[in-house]
Amino acid sequence: MTKKEFAKVLFDNGVYSSKAEAERNIETIFSLMEECIIRDGSFSITNWGKLEVVERAPRLGRNPKTGEEVKIPSRKSIKFRPGKAFLEKLN
């Protein structure tokens, strides 16, 4: 589901009075989530899940064209851990 589709669902369900308002609020929510993750290293909502920063170790990779080994530096990534209630709904 895209952001526009999600905004339409929120609008159709009467949560917002316009699709544009829904999109603005979705954008605001995700911007605030990003700020929290950058500042605190994680963002969690009870029963839904947790987004957290994880450090990926440096490693050796290969250039698929030449087969040459390439050093891949360490980097940060995001990991999602679904909450118990969310997992129960999925299964």
PDB file of N, CA and C in Angstrom:
ATOM      1  N   MET A   1       0.852  -1.168   0.000  1.00  0.00           N
ATOM      2  CA  MET A   1       0.000   0.000   0.000  1.00  0.00           C
ATOM      3  C   MET A   1       0.898   1.230   0.000  1.00  0.00           C
ATOM      4  N   THR A   2       0.599   2.173  -0.873  1.00  0.00           N
ATOM      5  CA  THR A   2       1.370   3.406  -0.951  1.00  0.00           C
ATOM      6  C   THR A   2       0.807   4.438   0.018  1.00  0.00           C
ATOM      7  N   LYS A   3       1.557   5.537   0.179  1.00  0.00           N
ATOM      8  CA  LYS A   3       1.100   6.615   1.058  1.00  0.00           C
ATOM      9  C   LYS A   3      -0.218   7.199   0.552  1.00  0.00           C
ATOM     10  N   LYS A   4      -0.341   7.372  -0.758  1.00  0.00           N
ATOM     11  CA  LYS A   4      -1.583   7.913  -1.331  1.00  0.00           C
ATOM     12  C   LYS A   4      -2.758   6.971  -1.091  1.00  0.00           C
ATOM     13  N   GLU A   5      -2.525   5.671  -1.238  1.00  0.00           N
ATOM     14  CA  GLU A   5      -3.593   4.693  -0.989  1.00  0.00           C
ATOM     15  C   GLU A   5      -4.000   4.698   0.481  1.00  0.00           C
ATOM     16  N   PHE A   6      -3.016   4.797   1.366  1.00  0.00           N
ATOM     17  CA  PHE A   6      -3.297   4.845   2.799  1.00  0.00           C
ATOM     18  C   PHE A   6      -4.083   6.111   3.147  1.00  0.00           C
ATOM     19  N   ALA A   7      -3.706   7.240   2.551  1.00  0.00           N
ATOM     20  CA  ALA A   7      -4.426   8.493   2.778  1.00  0.00           C
ATOM     21  C   ALA A   7      -5.869   8.368   2.313  1.00  0.00           C
ATOM     22  N   LYS A   8      -6.088   7.702   1.189  1.00  0.00           N
ATOM     23  CA  LYS A   8      -7.446   7.506   0.684  1.00  0.00           C
ATOM     24  C   LYS A   8      -8.263   6.652   1.651  1.00  0.00           C
ATOM     25  N   VAL A   9      -7.662   5.605   2.206  1.00  0.00           N
ATOM     26  CA  VAL A   9      -8.360   4.756   3.180  1.00  0.00           C
ATOM     27  C   VAL A   9      -8.759   5.581   4.401  1.00  0.00           C
ATOM     28  N   LEU A  10      -7.839   6.399   4.895  1.00  0.00           N
ATOM     29  CA  LEU A  10      -8.149   7.245   6.054  1.00  0.00           C
ATOM     30  C   LEU A  10      -9.262   8.235   5.727  1.00  0.00           C
ATOM     31  N   PHE A  11      -9.205   8.821   4.540  1.00  0.00           N
ATOM     32  CA  PHE A  11     -10.248   9.758   4.111  1.00  0.00           C
ATOM     33  C   PHE A  11     -11.588   9.043   3.958  1.00  0.00           C
ATOM     34  N   ASP A  12     -11.591   7.890   3.297  1.00  0.00           N
ATOM     35  CA  ASP A  12     -12.827   7.125   3.075  1.00  0.00           C
ATOM     36  C   ASP A  12     -13.478   6.679   4.382  1.00  0.00           C
ATOM     37  N   ASN A  13     -12.655   6.451   5.416  1.00  0.00           N
ATOM     38  CA  ASN A  13     -13.181   6.033   6.715  1.00  0.00           C
ATOM     39  C   ASN A  13     -13.540   7.216   7.612  1.00  0.00           C
ATOM     40  N   GLY A  14     -13.447   8.419   7.077  1.00  0.00           N
ATOM     41  CA  GLY A  14     -13.860   9.600   7.821  1.00  0.00           C
ATOM     42  C   GLY A  14     -12.872  10.080   8.868  1.00  0.00           C
ATOM     43  N   VAL A  15     -11.644   9.583   8.820  1.00  0.00           N
ATOM     44  CA  VAL A  15     -10.639  10.004   9.795  1.00  0.00           C
ATOM     45  C   VAL A  15     -10.202  11.440   9.513  1.00  0.00           C
ATOM     46  N   TYR A  16     -10.092  11.798   8.238  1.00  0.00           N
ATOM     47  CA  TYR A  16      -9.710  13.151   7.828  1.00  0.00           C
ATOM     48  C   TYR A  16     -10.740  13.688   6.852  1.00  0.00           C
ATOM     49  N   SER A  17     -10.821  15.020   6.784  1.00  0.00           N
ATOM     50  CA  SER A  17     -11.833  15.645   5.929  1.00  0.00           C
ATOM     51  C   SER A  17     -11.402  15.760   4.471  1.00  0.00           C
ATOM     52  N   SER A  18     -10.113  15.541   4.188  1.00  0.00           N
ATOM     53  CA  SER A  18      -9.646  15.556   2.799  1.00  0.00           C
ATOM     54  C   SER A  18      -8.459  14.610   2.649  1.00  0.00           C
ATOM     55  N   LYS A  19      -8.223  14.184   1.412  1.00  0.00           N
ATOM     56  CA  LYS A  19      -7.077  13.311   1.148  1.00  0.00           C
ATOM     57  C   LYS A  19      -5.776  14.066   1.393  1.00  0.00           C
ATOM     58  N   ALA A  20      -5.760  15.355   1.037  1.00  0.00           N
ATOM     59  CA  ALA A  20      -4.560  16.166   1.233  1.00  0.00           C
ATOM     60  C   ALA A  20      -4.218  16.275   2.718  1.00  0.00           C
ATOM     61  N   GLU A  21      -5.232  16.457   3.549  1.00  0.00           N
ATOM     62  CA  GLU A  21      -5.015  16.530   4.998  1.00  0.00           C
ATOM     63  C   GLU A  21      -4.461  15.200   5.515  1.00  0.00           C
ATOM     64  N   ALA A  22      -5.005  14.106   5.020  1.00  0.00           N
ATOM     65  CA  ALA A  22      -4.528  12.781   5.423  1.00  0.00           C
ATOM     66  C   ALA A  22      -3.066  12.597   5.023  1.00  0.00           C
ATOM     67  N   GLU A  23      -2.712  12.980   3.800  1.00  0.00           N
ATOM     68  CA  GLU A  23      -1.329  12.850   3.335  1.00  0.00           C
ATOM     69  C   GLU A  23      -0.377  13.699   4.167  1.00  0.00           C
ATOM     70  N   ARG A  24      -0.783  14.936   4.492  1.00  0.00           N
ATOM     71  CA  ARG A  24       0.055  15.813   5.317  1.00  0.00           C
ATOM     72  C   ARG A  24       0.296  15.190   6.691  1.00  0.00           C
ATOM     73  N   ASN A  25      -0.755  14.641   7.277  1.00  0.00           N
ATOM     74  CA  ASN A  25      -0.617  14.040   8.603  1.00  0.00           C
ATOM     75  C   ASN A  25       0.227  12.771   8.570  1.00  0.00           C
ATOM     76  N   ILE A  26       0.073  11.973   7.530  1.00  0.00           N
ATOM     77  CA  ILE A  26       0.911  10.778   7.383  1.00  0.00           C
ATOM     78  C   ILE A  26       2.372  11.202   7.277  1.00  0.00           C
ATOM     79  N   GLU A  27       2.641  12.205   6.457  1.00  0.00           N
ATOM     80  CA  GLU A  27       4.005  12.701   6.284  1.00  0.00           C
ATOM     81  C   GLU A  27       4.566  13.205   7.613  1.00  0.00           C
ATOM     82  N   THR A  28       3.761  13.926   8.374  1.00  0.00           N
ATOM     83  CA  THR A  28       4.190  14.437   9.678  1.00  0.00           C
ATOM     84  C   THR A  28       4.508  13.294  10.635  1.00  0.00           C
ATOM     85  N   ILE A  29       3.643  12.300  10.678  1.00  0.00           N
ATOM     86  CA  ILE A  29       3.853  11.153  11.570  1.00  0.00           C
ATOM     87  C   ILE A  29       5.157  10.440  11.228  1.00  0.00           C
ATOM     88  N   PHE A  30       5.394  10.184   9.942  1.00  0.00           N
ATOM     89  CA  PHE A  30       6.613   9.475   9.563  1.00  0.00           C
ATOM     90  C   PHE A  30       7.863  10.321   9.786  1.00  0.00           C
ATOM     91  N   SER A  31       7.755  11.629   9.613  1.00  0.00           N
ATOM     92  CA  SER A  31       8.893  12.510   9.904  1.00  0.00           C
ATOM     93  C   SER A  31       9.239  12.467  11.386  1.00  0.00           C
ATOM     94  N   LEU A  32       8.217  12.486  12.233  1.00  0.00           N
ATOM     95  CA  LEU A  32       8.448  12.411  13.678  1.00  0.00           C
ATOM     96  C   LEU A  32       9.023  11.052  14.078  1.00  0.00           C
ATOM     97  N   MET A  33       8.556   9.988  13.433  1.00  0.00           N
ATOM     98  CA  MET A  33       9.112   8.658  13.701  1.00  0.00           C
ATOM     99  C   MET A  33      10.597   8.627  13.335  1.00  0.00           C
ATOM    100  N   GLU A  34      10.944   9.200  12.179  1.00  0.00           N
ATOM    101  CA  GLU A  34      12.347   9.254  11.757  1.00  0.00           C
ATOM    102  C   GLU A  34      13.190  10.001  12.777  1.00  0.00           C
ATOM    103  N   GLU A  35      12.692  11.153  13.244  1.00  0.00           N
ATOM    104  CA  GLU A  35      13.423  11.938  14.239  1.00  0.00           C
ATOM    105  C   GLU A  35      13.669  11.125  15.504  1.00  0.00           C
ATOM    106  N   CYS A  36      12.646  10.409  15.962  1.00  0.00           N
ATOM    107  CA  CYS A  36      12.786   9.577  17.170  1.00  0.00           C
ATOM    108  C   CYS A  36      13.817   8.478  16.964  1.00  0.00           C
ATOM    109  N   ILE A  37      13.787   7.832  15.812  1.00  0.00           N
ATOM    110  CA  ILE A  37      14.729   6.747  15.531  1.00  0.00           C
ATOM    111  C   ILE A  37      16.154   7.282  15.471  1.00  0.00           C
ATOM    112  N   ILE A  38      16.344   8.419  14.815  1.00  0.00           N
ATOM    113  CA  ILE A  38      17.677   9.013  14.719  1.00  0.00           C
ATOM    114  C   ILE A  38      18.169   9.444  16.099  1.00  0.00           C
ATOM    115  N   ARG A  39      17.305  10.057  16.890  1.00  0.00           N
ATOM    116  CA  ARG A  39      17.680  10.563  18.210  1.00  0.00           C
ATOM    117  C   ARG A  39      17.865   9.440  19.236  1.00  0.00           C
ATOM    118  N   ASP A  40      16.895   8.514  19.302  1.00  0.00           N
ATOM    119  CA  ASP A  40      16.872   7.509  20.368  1.00  0.00           C
ATOM    120  C   ASP A  40      17.348   6.124  19.937  1.00  0.00           C
ATOM    121  N   GLY A  41      17.458   5.885  18.648  1.00  0.00           N
ATOM    122  CA  GLY A  41      17.886   4.581  18.165  1.00  0.00           C
ATOM    123  C   GLY A  41      16.761   3.586  17.979  1.00  0.00           C
ATOM    124  N   SER A  42      15.537   3.964  18.382  1.00  0.00           N
ATOM    125  CA  SER A  42      14.406   3.052  18.193  1.00  0.00           C
ATOM    126  C   SER A  42      13.090   3.817  18.306  1.00  0.00           C
ATOM    127  N   PHE A  43      12.032   3.166  17.837  1.00  0.00           N
ATOM    128  CA  PHE A  43      10.674   3.702  17.924  1.00  0.00           C
ATOM    129  C   PHE A  43       9.752   2.506  18.082  1.00  0.00           C
ATOM    130  N   SER A  44       8.926   2.506  19.125  1.00  0.00           N
ATOM    131  CA  SER A  44       8.046   1.352  19.320  1.00  0.00           C
ATOM    132  C   SER A  44       6.624   1.784  19.644  1.00  0.00           C
ATOM    133  N   ILE A  45       5.695   0.961  19.199  1.00  0.00           N
ATOM    134  CA  ILE A  45       4.277   1.118  19.505  1.00  0.00           C
ATOM    135  C   ILE A  45       3.823  -0.218  20.077  1.00  0.00           C
ATOM    136  N   THR A  46       3.311  -0.182  21.300  1.00  0.00           N
ATOM    137  CA  THR A  46       2.880  -1.398  21.983  1.00  0.00           C
ATOM    138  C   THR A  46       1.904  -2.182  21.118  1.00  0.00           C
ATOM    139  N   ASN A  47       2.100  -3.478  21.074  1.00  0.00           N
ATOM    140  CA  ASN A  47       1.292  -4.443  20.316  1.00  0.00           C
ATOM    141  C   ASN A  47       1.475  -4.354  18.807  1.00  0.00           C
ATOM    142  N   TRP A  48       2.153  -3.348  18.303  1.00  0.00           N
ATOM    143  CA  TRP A  48       2.370  -3.236  16.866  1.00  0.00           C
ATOM    144  C   TRP A  48       3.779  -3.674  16.502  1.00  0.00           C
ATOM    145  N   GLY A  49       4.791  -3.022  17.124  1.00  0.00           N
ATOM    146  CA  GLY A  49       6.153  -3.415  16.832  1.00  0.00           C
ATOM    147  C   GLY A  49       7.162  -2.348  17.175  1.00  0.00           C
ATOM    148  N   LYS A  50       8.406  -2.636  16.830  1.00  0.00           N
ATOM    149  CA  LYS A  50       9.515  -1.748  17.155  1.00  0.00           C
ATOM    150  C   LYS A  50      10.440  -1.622  15.951  1.00  0.00           C
ATOM    151  N   LEU A  51      10.791  -0.392  15.624  1.00  0.00           N
ATOM    152  CA  LEU A  51      11.796  -0.103  14.606  1.00  0.00           C
ATOM    153  C   LEU A  51      13.054   0.305  15.352  1.00  0.00           C
ATOM    154  N   GLU A  52      14.176  -0.327  15.033  1.00  0.00           N
ATOM    155  CA  GLU A  52      15.396   0.031  15.735  1.00  0.00           C
ATOM    156  C   GLU A  52      16.593   0.046  14.797  1.00  0.00           C
ATOM    157  N   VAL A  53      17.566   0.886  15.146  1.00  0.00           N
ATOM    158  CA  VAL A  53      18.793   1.005  14.375  1.00  0.00           C
ATOM    159  C   VAL A  53      19.694  -0.173  14.732  1.00  0.00           C
ATOM    160  N   VAL A  54      20.246  -0.805  13.715  1.00  0.00           N
ATOM    161  CA  VAL A  54      21.224  -1.877  13.913  1.00  0.00           C
ATOM    162  C   VAL A  54      22.481  -1.533  13.122  1.00  0.00           C
ATOM    163  N   GLU A  55      23.615  -1.907  13.666  1.00  0.00           N
ATOM    164  CA  GLU A  55      24.896  -1.648  13.011  1.00  0.00           C
ATOM    165  C   GLU A  55      25.292  -2.883  12.212  1.00  0.00           C
ATOM    166  N   ARG A  56      25.492  -2.711  10.929  1.00  0.00           N
ATOM    167  CA  ARG A  56      25.946  -3.800  10.065  1.00  0.00           C
ATOM    168  C   ARG A  56      27.483  -3.780  10.049  1.00  0.00           C
ATOM    169  N   ALA A  57      28.088  -4.904  10.327  1.00  0.00           N
ATOM    170  CA  ALA A  57      29.547  -5.002  10.384  1.00  0.00           C
ATOM    171  C   ALA A  57      30.148  -4.875   8.984  1.00  0.00           C
ATOM    172  N   PRO A  58      31.391  -4.398   8.914  1.00  0.00           N
ATOM    173  CA  PRO A  58      32.050  -4.374   7.604  1.00  0.00           C
ATOM    174  C   PRO A  58      32.271  -5.809   7.126  1.00  0.00           C
ATOM    175  N   ARG A  59      32.290  -5.979   5.814  1.00  0.00           N
ATOM    176  CA  ARG A  59      32.458  -7.329   5.280  1.00  0.00           C
ATOM    177  C   ARG A  59      33.071  -7.258   3.891  1.00  0.00           C
ATOM    178  N   LEU A  60      33.456  -8.403   3.408  1.00  0.00           N
ATOM    179  CA  LEU A  60      33.974  -8.500   2.046  1.00  0.00           C
ATOM    180  C   LEU A  60      32.847  -8.945   1.124  1.00  0.00           C
ATOM    181  N   GLY A  61      32.758  -8.281  -0.011  1.00  0.00           N
ATOM    182  CA  GLY A  61      31.785  -8.656  -1.021  1.00  0.00           C
ATOM    183  C   GLY A  61      32.513  -8.909  -2.325  1.00  0.00           C
ATOM    184  N   ARG A  62      31.769  -9.170  -3.365  1.00  0.00           N
ATOM    185  CA  ARG A  62      32.371  -9.402  -4.683  1.00  0.00           C
ATOM    186  C   ARG A  62      31.662  -8.571  -5.736  1.00  0.00           C
ATOM    187  N   ASN A  63      32.460  -8.030  -6.638  1.00  0.00           N
ATOM    188  CA  ASN A  63      31.913  -7.362  -7.799  1.00  0.00           C
ATOM    189  C   ASN A  63      31.380  -8.465  -8.715  1.00  0.00           C
ATOM    190  N   PRO A  64      30.072  -8.482  -9.013  1.00  0.00           N
ATOM    191  CA  PRO A  64      29.515  -9.573  -9.813  1.00  0.00           C
ATOM    192  C   PRO A  64      30.061  -9.641 -11.244  1.00  0.00           C
ATOM    193  N   LYS A  65      30.520  -8.518 -11.790  1.00  0.00           N
ATOM    194  CA  LYS A  65      31.043  -8.527 -13.164  1.00  0.00           C
ATOM    195  C   LYS A  65      32.465  -9.064 -13.233  1.00  0.00           C
ATOM    196  N   THR A  66      33.307  -8.612 -12.280  1.00  0.00           N
ATOM    197  CA  THR A  66      34.727  -8.970 -12.351  1.00  0.00           C
ATOM    198  C   THR A  66      35.123 -10.073 -11.383  1.00  0.00           C
ATOM    199  N   GLY A  67      34.314 -10.308 -10.370  1.00  0.00           N
ATOM    200  CA  GLY A  67      34.656 -11.299  -9.356  1.00  0.00           C
ATOM    201  C   GLY A  67      35.648 -10.771  -8.331  1.00  0.00           C
ATOM    202  N   GLU A  68      36.052  -9.505  -8.496  1.00  0.00           N
ATOM    203  CA  GLU A  68      37.020  -8.888  -7.591  1.00  0.00           C
ATOM    204  C   GLU A  68      36.400  -8.670  -6.206  1.00  0.00           C
ATOM    205  N   GLU A  69      37.197  -8.928  -5.149  1.00  0.00           N
ATOM    206  CA  GLU A  69      36.728  -8.683  -3.791  1.00  0.00           C
ATOM    207  C   GLU A  69      36.645  -7.186  -3.535  1.00  0.00           C
ATOM    208  N   VAL A  70      35.595  -6.795  -2.821  1.00  0.00           N
ATOM    209  CA  VAL A  70      35.371  -5.389  -2.509  1.00  0.00           C
ATOM    210  C   VAL A  70      35.085  -5.281  -1.019  1.00  0.00           C
ATOM    211  N   LYS A  71      35.706  -4.299  -0.350  1.00  0.00           N
ATOM    212  CA  LYS A  71      35.429  -4.068   1.063  1.00  0.00           C
ATOM    213  C   LYS A  71      34.136  -3.261   1.181  1.00  0.00           C
ATOM    214  N   ILE A  72      33.188  -3.799   1.933  1.00  0.00           N
ATOM    215  CA  ILE A  72      31.931  -3.096   2.186  1.00  0.00           C
ATOM    216  C   ILE A  72      32.024  -2.551   3.608  1.00  0.00           C
ATOM    217  N   PRO A  73      31.975  -1.220   3.765  1.00  0.00           N
ATOM    218  CA  PRO A  73      32.146  -0.635   5.103  1.00  0.00           C
ATOM    219  C   PRO A  73      30.943  -0.905   6.013  1.00  0.00           C
ATOM    220  N   SER A  74      31.154  -0.705   7.315  1.00  0.00           N
ATOM    221  CA  SER A  74      30.044  -0.846   8.257  1.00  0.00           C
ATOM    222  C   SER A  74      29.028   0.255   7.963  1.00  0.00           C
ATOM    223  N   ARG A  75      27.781  -0.022   8.316  1.00  0.00           N
ATOM    224  CA  ARG A  75      26.731   0.968   8.093  1.00  0.00           C
ATOM    225  C   ARG A  75      25.583   0.700   9.047  1.00  0.00           C
ATOM    226  N   LYS A  76      24.722   1.676   9.167  1.00  0.00           N
ATOM    227  CA  LYS A  76      23.537   1.528  10.004  1.00  0.00           C
ATOM    228  C   LYS A  76      22.346   1.169   9.128  1.00  0.00           C
ATOM    229  N   SER A  77      21.454   0.371   9.688  1.00  0.00           N
ATOM    230  CA  SER A  77      20.242  -0.027   8.990  1.00  0.00           C
ATOM    231  C   SER A  77      19.099  -0.039   9.995  1.00  0.00           C
ATOM    232  N   ILE A  78      17.897  -0.317   9.531  1.00  0.00           N
ATOM    233  CA  ILE A  78      16.714  -0.370  10.390  1.00  0.00           C
ATOM    234  C   ILE A  78      16.191  -1.799  10.415  1.00  0.00           C
ATOM    235  N   LYS A  79      15.825  -2.249  11.601  1.00  0.00           N
ATOM    236  CA  LYS A  79      15.234  -3.575  11.763  1.00  0.00           C
ATOM    237  C   LYS A  79      13.847  -3.402  12.379  1.00  0.00           C
ATOM    238  N   PHE A  80      12.870  -4.140  11.850  1.00  0.00           N
ATOM    239  CA  PHE A  80      11.517  -4.113  12.407  1.00  0.00           C
ATOM    240  C   PHE A  80      11.270  -5.404  13.161  1.00  0.00           C
ATOM    241  N   ARG A  81      10.811  -5.265  14.391  1.00  0.00           N
ATOM    242  CA  ARG A  81      10.423  -6.423  15.200  1.00  0.00           C
ATOM    243  C   ARG A  81       8.934  -6.295  15.493  1.00  0.00           C
ATOM    244  N   PRO A  82       8.121  -7.142  14.904  1.00  0.00           N
ATOM    245  CA  PRO A  82       6.678  -7.043  15.140  1.00  0.00           C
ATOM    246  C   PRO A  82       6.324  -7.391  16.580  1.00  0.00           C
ATOM    247  N   GLY A  83       5.284  -6.721  17.095  1.00  0.00           N
ATOM    248  CA  GLY A  83       4.798  -6.999  18.437  1.00  0.00           C
ATOM    249  C   GLY A  83       4.022  -8.304  18.486  1.00  0.00           C
ATOM    250  N   LYS A  84       3.813  -8.797  19.698  1.00  0.00           N
ATOM    251  CA  LYS A  84       3.148 -10.080  19.886  1.00  0.00           C
ATOM    252  C   LYS A  84       1.741 -10.079  19.281  1.00  0.00           C
ATOM    253  N   ALA A  85       0.955  -9.035  19.545  1.00  0.00           N
ATOM    254  CA  ALA A  85      -0.415  -8.972  19.025  1.00  0.00           C
ATOM    255  C   ALA A  85      -0.421  -8.939  17.499  1.00  0.00           C
ATOM    256  N   PHE A  86       0.525  -8.217  16.910  1.00  0.00           N
ATOM    257  CA  PHE A  86       0.630  -8.134  15.456  1.00  0.00           C
ATOM    258  C   PHE A  86       0.953  -9.511  14.874  1.00  0.00           C
ATOM    259  N   LEU A  87       1.912 -10.201  15.479  1.00  0.00           N
ATOM    260  CA  LEU A  87       2.273 -11.543  15.011  1.00  0.00           C
ATOM    261  C   LEU A  87       1.099 -12.508  15.112  1.00  0.00           C
ATOM    262  N   GLU A  88       0.334 -12.401  16.187  1.00  0.00           N
ATOM    263  CA  GLU A  88      -0.828 -13.281  16.356  1.00  0.00           C
ATOM    264  C   GLU A  88      -1.862 -13.041  15.259  1.00  0.00           C
ATOM    265  N   LYS A  89      -2.045 -11.785  14.854  1.00  0.00           N
ATOM    266  CA  LYS A  89      -2.986 -11.474  13.770  1.00  0.00           C
ATOM    267  C   LYS A  89      -2.493 -12.032  12.438  1.00  0.00           C
ATOM    268  N   LEU A  90      -1.177 -12.028  12.237  1.00  0.00           N
ATOM    269  CA  LEU A  90      -0.608 -12.555  10.993  1.00  0.00           C
ATOM    270  C   LEU A  90      -0.753 -14.061  10.902  1.00  0.00           C
ATOM    271  N   ASN A  91      -0.633 -14.717  12.031  1.00  0.00           N
ATOM    272  CA  ASN A  91      -0.675 -16.179  12.037  1.00  0.00           C
ATOM    273  C   ASN A  91      -2.029 -16.594  12.468  1.00  0.00           C
TER     274      ASN A  91
END
